[in-house]
Amino acid sequence: MERETIETSMPVTSSAADGLEQLLSLEEKIHQTIALLKSARMEKEGLLRENERLRREREEQENLFRTMESRLAGLEKERETVRARVQKLLELVDSLTKQSSES
């Protein structure tokens, strides 16, 4: 009778070893998943920080662009004013030259 108990316990021991092996395999997969999740979270945090930095940089560039655009408009207006004044001066010089040559 002892022999039968030993023989029947062998498959149970083999089954227990298989179960333990599966449990260890599952535990390893869980640890790998946790490591992957931690890595993904860290990457996400880094990307969020990078996104925020780029958003601030874009806002600064937009502000600079608006400032430069406004400055350009002012310079173009000033150029037109100067051009008109130079044109009037040239016309005045031209009229004085014509008067001198007629005299």
N, C-alpha and C. Protein backbone atom coordinates (compact mmCIF):
# COMPACT_ATOMS: atom_id res chain seq x y z
N MET A 1 0.80 -1.16 0.00
CA MET A 1 0.00 0.00 0.00
C MET A 1 0.86 1.25 0.00
N GLU A 2 1.97 1.18 0.65
CA GLU A 2 2.88 2.31 0.65
C GLU A 2 3.36 2.61 -0.76
N ARG A 3 3.59 1.62 -1.48
CA ARG A 3 4.09 1.78 -2.83
C ARG A 3 3.07 2.52 -3.70
N GLU A 4 1.82 2.23 -3.54
CA GLU A 4 0.78 2.90 -4.31
C GLU A 4 0.74 4.39 -3.96
N THR A 5 0.89 4.71 -2.71
CA THR A 5 0.87 6.10 -2.29
C THR A 5 2.05 6.85 -2.89
N ILE A 6 3.19 6.23 -2.92
CA ILE A 6 4.37 6.86 -3.51
C ILE A 6 4.17 7.06 -5.00
N GLU A 7 3.63 6.04 -5.67
CA GLU A 7 3.43 6.16 -7.11
C GLU A 7 2.38 7.21 -7.44
N THR A 8 1.34 7.32 -6.67
CA THR A 8 0.31 8.31 -6.95
C THR A 8 0.78 9.71 -6.57
N SER A 9 1.68 9.80 -5.63
CA SER A 9 2.17 11.12 -5.26
C SER A 9 3.16 11.66 -6.27
N MET A 10 3.77 10.84 -7.06
CA MET A 10 4.70 11.29 -8.08
C MET A 10 4.02 12.19 -9.10
N PRO A 11 2.91 11.80 -9.68
CA PRO A 11 2.26 12.71 -10.61
C PRO A 11 1.81 14.00 -9.94
N VAL A 12 1.40 13.94 -8.71
CA VAL A 12 1.00 15.14 -7.99
C VAL A 12 2.21 16.05 -7.82
N THR A 13 3.36 15.51 -7.49
CA THR A 13 4.57 16.29 -7.33
C THR A 13 4.97 16.89 -8.67
N SER A 14 4.88 16.15 -9.72
CA SER A 14 5.20 16.66 -11.06
C SER A 14 4.21 17.76 -11.43
N SER A 15 2.96 17.58 -11.11
CA SER A 15 1.94 18.58 -11.38
C SER A 15 2.19 19.82 -10.54
N ALA A 16 2.59 19.64 -9.30
CA ALA A 16 2.90 20.77 -8.42
C ALA A 16 4.11 21.52 -8.96
N ALA A 17 5.09 20.81 -9.46
CA ALA A 17 6.27 21.45 -10.04
C ALA A 17 5.89 22.24 -11.28
N ASP A 18 5.01 21.68 -12.10
CA ASP A 18 4.54 22.40 -13.29
C ASP A 18 3.77 23.66 -12.88
N GLY A 19 2.94 23.52 -11.85
CA GLY A 19 2.18 24.67 -11.35
C GLY A 19 3.11 25.74 -10.81
N LEU A 20 4.13 25.33 -10.07
CA LEU A 20 5.10 26.27 -9.53
C LEU A 20 5.87 26.96 -10.65
N GLU A 21 6.22 26.19 -11.65
CA GLU A 21 6.93 26.74 -12.81
C GLU A 21 6.06 27.76 -13.53
N GLN A 22 4.79 27.45 -13.69
CA GLN A 22 3.87 28.39 -14.33
C GLN A 22 3.71 29.65 -13.49
N LEU A 23 3.64 29.47 -12.17
CA LEU A 23 3.52 30.61 -11.27
C LEU A 23 4.76 31.50 -11.36
N LEU A 24 5.94 30.89 -11.40
CA LEU A 24 7.18 31.65 -11.53
C LEU A 24 7.23 32.39 -12.87
N SER A 25 6.77 31.72 -13.90
CA SER A 25 6.73 32.34 -15.22
C SER A 25 5.77 33.54 -15.22
N LEU A 26 4.62 33.35 -14.59
CA LEU A 26 3.64 34.43 -14.50
C LEU A 26 4.20 35.59 -13.68
N GLU A 27 4.89 35.26 -12.58
CA GLU A 27 5.50 36.29 -11.75
C GLU A 27 6.53 37.10 -12.55
N GLU A 28 7.33 36.43 -13.34
CA GLU A 28 8.33 37.10 -14.17
C GLU A 28 7.65 38.02 -15.19
N LYS A 29 6.57 37.53 -15.79
CA LYS A 29 5.84 38.36 -16.75
C LYS A 29 5.24 39.58 -16.08
N ILE A 30 4.74 39.41 -14.85
CA ILE A 30 4.19 40.54 -14.11
C ILE A 30 5.28 41.56 -13.81
N HIS A 31 6.46 41.09 -13.40
CA HIS A 31 7.59 42.00 -13.14
C HIS A 31 8.01 42.73 -14.42
N GLN A 32 8.02 42.04 -15.53
CA GLN A 32 8.37 42.67 -16.81
C GLN A 32 7.32 43.72 -17.18
N THR A 33 6.05 43.39 -16.95
CA THR A 33 4.97 44.33 -17.25
C THR A 33 5.08 45.58 -16.38
N ILE A 34 5.39 45.38 -15.10
CA ILE A 34 5.55 46.51 -14.18
C ILE A 34 6.72 47.39 -14.63
N ALA A 35 7.82 46.77 -15.01
CA ALA A 35 8.98 47.53 -15.49
C ALA A 35 8.62 48.30 -16.76
N LEU A 36 7.89 47.66 -17.64
CA LEU A 36 7.47 48.31 -18.89
C LEU A 36 6.54 49.48 -18.58
N LEU A 37 5.63 49.29 -17.65
CA LEU A 37 4.70 50.35 -17.27
C LEU A 37 5.45 51.53 -16.66
N LYS A 38 6.42 51.25 -15.78
CA LYS A 38 7.22 52.33 -15.19
C LYS A 38 7.97 53.10 -16.27
N SER A 39 8.55 52.35 -17.20
CA SER A 39 9.29 52.98 -18.30
C SER A 39 8.36 53.85 -19.15
N ALA A 40 7.17 53.33 -19.44
CA ALA A 40 6.21 54.09 -20.26
C ALA A 40 5.76 55.35 -19.52
N ARG A 41 5.55 55.25 -18.22
CA ARG A 41 5.16 56.43 -17.44
C ARG A 41 6.26 57.48 -17.43
N MET A 42 7.49 57.03 -17.25
CA MET A 42 8.61 57.97 -17.26
C MET A 42 8.72 58.65 -18.62
N GLU A 43 8.57 57.87 -19.67
CA GLU A 43 8.63 58.44 -21.02
C GLU A 43 7.50 59.43 -21.24
N LYS A 44 6.31 59.11 -20.75
CA LYS A 44 5.17 60.00 -20.87
C LYS A 44 5.44 61.31 -20.14
N GLU A 45 5.97 61.23 -18.92
CA GLU A 45 6.28 62.44 -18.16
C GLU A 45 7.31 63.29 -18.89
N GLY A 46 8.31 62.64 -19.46
CA GLY A 46 9.31 63.37 -20.23
C GLY A 46 8.70 64.05 -21.45
N LEU A 47 7.81 63.35 -22.12
CA LEU A 47 7.15 63.91 -23.29
C LEU A 47 6.22 65.06 -22.91
N LEU A 48 5.56 64.94 -21.78
CA LEU A 48 4.70 66.03 -21.31
C LEU A 48 5.53 67.28 -21.00
N ARG A 49 6.68 67.07 -20.35
CA ARG A 49 7.57 68.22 -20.07
C ARG A 49 8.07 68.84 -21.38
N GLU A 50 8.46 67.99 -22.32
CA GLU A 50 8.94 68.49 -23.62
C GLU A 50 7.82 69.23 -24.35
N ASN A 51 6.62 68.70 -24.27
CA ASN A 51 5.47 69.34 -24.91
C ASN A 51 5.22 70.72 -24.30
N GLU A 52 5.29 70.83 -23.00
CA GLU A 52 5.09 72.11 -22.31
C GLU A 52 6.20 73.09 -22.70
N ARG A 53 7.43 72.62 -22.76
CA ARG A 53 8.55 73.49 -23.15
C ARG A 53 8.36 74.01 -24.57
N LEU A 54 7.95 73.12 -25.46
CA LEU A 54 7.74 73.52 -26.85
C LEU A 54 6.55 74.49 -26.98
N ARG A 55 5.52 74.28 -26.16
CA ARG A 55 4.36 75.18 -26.19
C ARG A 55 4.78 76.58 -25.76
N ARG A 56 5.58 76.66 -24.67
CA ARG A 56 6.06 77.97 -24.23
C ARG A 56 6.95 78.62 -25.29
N GLU A 57 7.81 77.82 -25.89
CA GLU A 57 8.70 78.34 -26.94
C GLU A 57 7.90 78.86 -28.13
N ARG A 58 6.86 78.12 -28.50
CA ARG A 58 6.00 78.56 -29.62
C ARG A 58 5.31 79.87 -29.29
N GLU A 59 4.81 80.01 -28.06
CA GLU A 59 4.17 81.25 -27.64
C GLU A 59 5.15 82.42 -27.70
N GLU A 60 6.38 82.17 -27.25
CA GLU A 60 7.40 83.22 -27.30
C GLU A 60 7.69 83.61 -28.75
N GLN A 61 7.78 82.62 -29.63
CA GLN A 61 8.04 82.89 -31.04
C GLN A 61 6.87 83.66 -31.67
N GLU A 62 5.65 83.30 -31.30
CA GLU A 62 4.49 84.02 -31.82
C GLU A 62 4.50 85.48 -31.35
N ASN A 63 4.84 85.69 -30.08
CA ASN A 63 4.93 87.06 -29.56
C ASN A 63 6.01 87.85 -30.29
N LEU A 64 7.15 87.22 -30.50
CA LEU A 64 8.24 87.87 -31.23
C LEU A 64 7.81 88.18 -32.65
N PHE A 65 7.11 87.25 -33.29
CA PHE A 65 6.64 87.46 -34.66
C PHE A 65 5.70 88.66 -34.72
N ARG A 66 4.76 88.73 -33.76
CA ARG A 66 3.82 89.86 -33.75
C ARG A 66 4.56 91.18 -33.53
N THR A 67 5.56 91.16 -32.66
CA THR A 67 6.35 92.37 -32.41
C THR A 67 7.08 92.79 -33.68
N MET A 68 7.71 91.82 -34.33
CA MET A 68 8.46 92.12 -35.57
C MET A 68 7.52 92.58 -36.69
N GLU A 69 6.35 91.98 -36.75
CA GLU A 69 5.38 92.36 -37.76
C GLU A 69 4.94 93.81 -37.56
N SER A 70 4.70 94.17 -36.31
CA SER A 70 4.30 95.53 -35.98
C SER A 70 5.44 96.52 -36.29
N ARG A 71 6.64 96.11 -35.93
CA ARG A 71 7.80 96.96 -36.19
C ARG A 71 8.01 97.16 -37.69
N LEU A 72 7.83 96.10 -38.46
CA LEU A 72 7.97 96.19 -39.91
C LEU A 72 6.93 97.15 -40.49
N ALA A 73 5.70 97.05 -40.00
CA ALA A 73 4.66 97.95 -40.49
C ALA A 73 5.03 99.40 -40.19
N GLY A 74 5.58 99.66 -39.01
CA GLY A 74 6.01 101.02 -38.66
C GLY A 74 7.14 101.50 -39.55
N LEU A 75 8.09 100.62 -39.84
CA LEU A 75 9.21 101.00 -40.71
C LEU A 75 8.75 101.25 -42.14
N GLU A 76 7.80 100.46 -42.61
CA GLU A 76 7.28 100.67 -43.96
C GLU A 76 6.56 102.02 -44.06
N LYS A 77 5.82 102.36 -43.02
CA LYS A 77 5.12 103.65 -42.99
C LYS A 77 6.14 104.78 -42.96
N GLU A 78 7.17 104.62 -42.14
CA GLU A 78 8.22 105.64 -42.06
C GLU A 78 8.93 105.80 -43.41
N ARG A 79 9.18 104.67 -44.09
CA ARG A 79 9.83 104.72 -45.40
C ARG A 79 8.97 105.49 -46.40
N GLU A 80 7.68 105.27 -46.38
CA GLU A 80 6.79 105.99 -47.29
C GLU A 80 6.78 107.48 -46.99
N THR A 81 6.83 107.82 -45.69
CA THR A 81 6.87 109.24 -45.30
C THR A 81 8.16 109.88 -45.81
N VAL A 82 9.28 109.19 -45.61
CA VAL A 82 10.58 109.71 -46.07
C VAL A 82 10.58 109.82 -47.59
N ARG A 83 10.04 108.81 -48.26
CA ARG A 83 9.99 108.83 -49.73
C ARG A 83 9.19 110.04 -50.21
N ALA A 84 8.07 110.32 -49.58
CA ALA A 84 7.25 111.46 -49.98
C ALA A 84 8.01 112.77 -49.75
N ARG A 85 8.71 112.88 -48.62
CA ARG A 85 9.46 114.10 -48.33
C ARG A 85 10.60 114.28 -49.32
N VAL A 86 11.29 113.19 -49.66
CA VAL A 86 12.39 113.27 -50.64
C VAL A 86 11.83 113.67 -52.01
N GLN A 87 10.68 113.12 -52.36
CA GLN A 87 10.05 113.46 -53.64
C GLN A 87 9.73 114.96 -53.69
N LYS A 88 9.20 115.50 -52.59
CA LYS A 88 8.89 116.94 -52.55
C LYS A 88 10.16 117.77 -52.66
N LEU A 89 11.22 117.33 -51.97
CA LEU A 89 12.49 118.06 -52.05
C LEU A 89 13.04 118.03 -53.47
N LEU A 90 12.96 116.88 -54.13
CA LEU A 90 13.44 116.78 -55.51
C LEU A 90 12.63 117.68 -56.44
N GLU A 91 11.34 117.73 -56.21
CA GLU A 91 10.49 118.61 -57.03
C GLU A 91 10.85 120.07 -56.78
N LEU A 92 11.13 120.41 -55.53
CA LEU A 92 11.53 121.78 -55.19
C LEU A 92 12.86 122.12 -55.85
N VAL A 93 13.83 121.21 -55.77
CA VAL A 93 15.13 121.43 -56.40
C VAL A 93 14.94 121.55 -57.91
N ASP A 94 14.11 120.70 -58.47
CA ASP A 94 13.86 120.74 -59.92
C ASP A 94 13.24 122.08 -60.33
N SER A 95 12.28 122.56 -59.56
CA SER A 95 11.66 123.83 -59.90
C SER A 95 12.65 124.99 -59.75
N LEU A 96 13.52 124.92 -58.73
CA LEU A 96 14.52 125.97 -58.56
C LEU A 96 15.54 125.92 -59.71
N THR A 97 15.87 124.71 -60.14
CA THR A 97 16.81 124.57 -61.24
C THR A 97 16.22 125.14 -62.52
N LYS A 98 14.94 124.89 -62.75
CA LYS A 98 14.28 125.41 -63.95
C LYS A 98 14.20 126.94 -63.90
N GLN A 99 13.94 127.49 -62.73
CA GLN A 99 13.86 128.94 -62.58
C GLN A 99 15.22 129.57 -62.83
N SER A 100 16.29 128.90 -62.36
CA SER A 100 17.64 129.42 -62.56
C SER A 100 18.03 129.38 -64.02
N SER A 101 17.63 128.33 -64.69
CA SER A 101 18.00 128.21 -66.10
C SER A 101 17.16 129.14 -66.95
N GLU A 102 16.00 129.49 -66.54
CA GLU A 102 15.15 130.41 -67.31
C GLU A 102 15.62 131.85 -67.13
N SER A 103 16.28 132.09 -66.04
CA SER A 103 16.68 133.48 -65.78
C SER A 103 17.91 133.86 -66.51
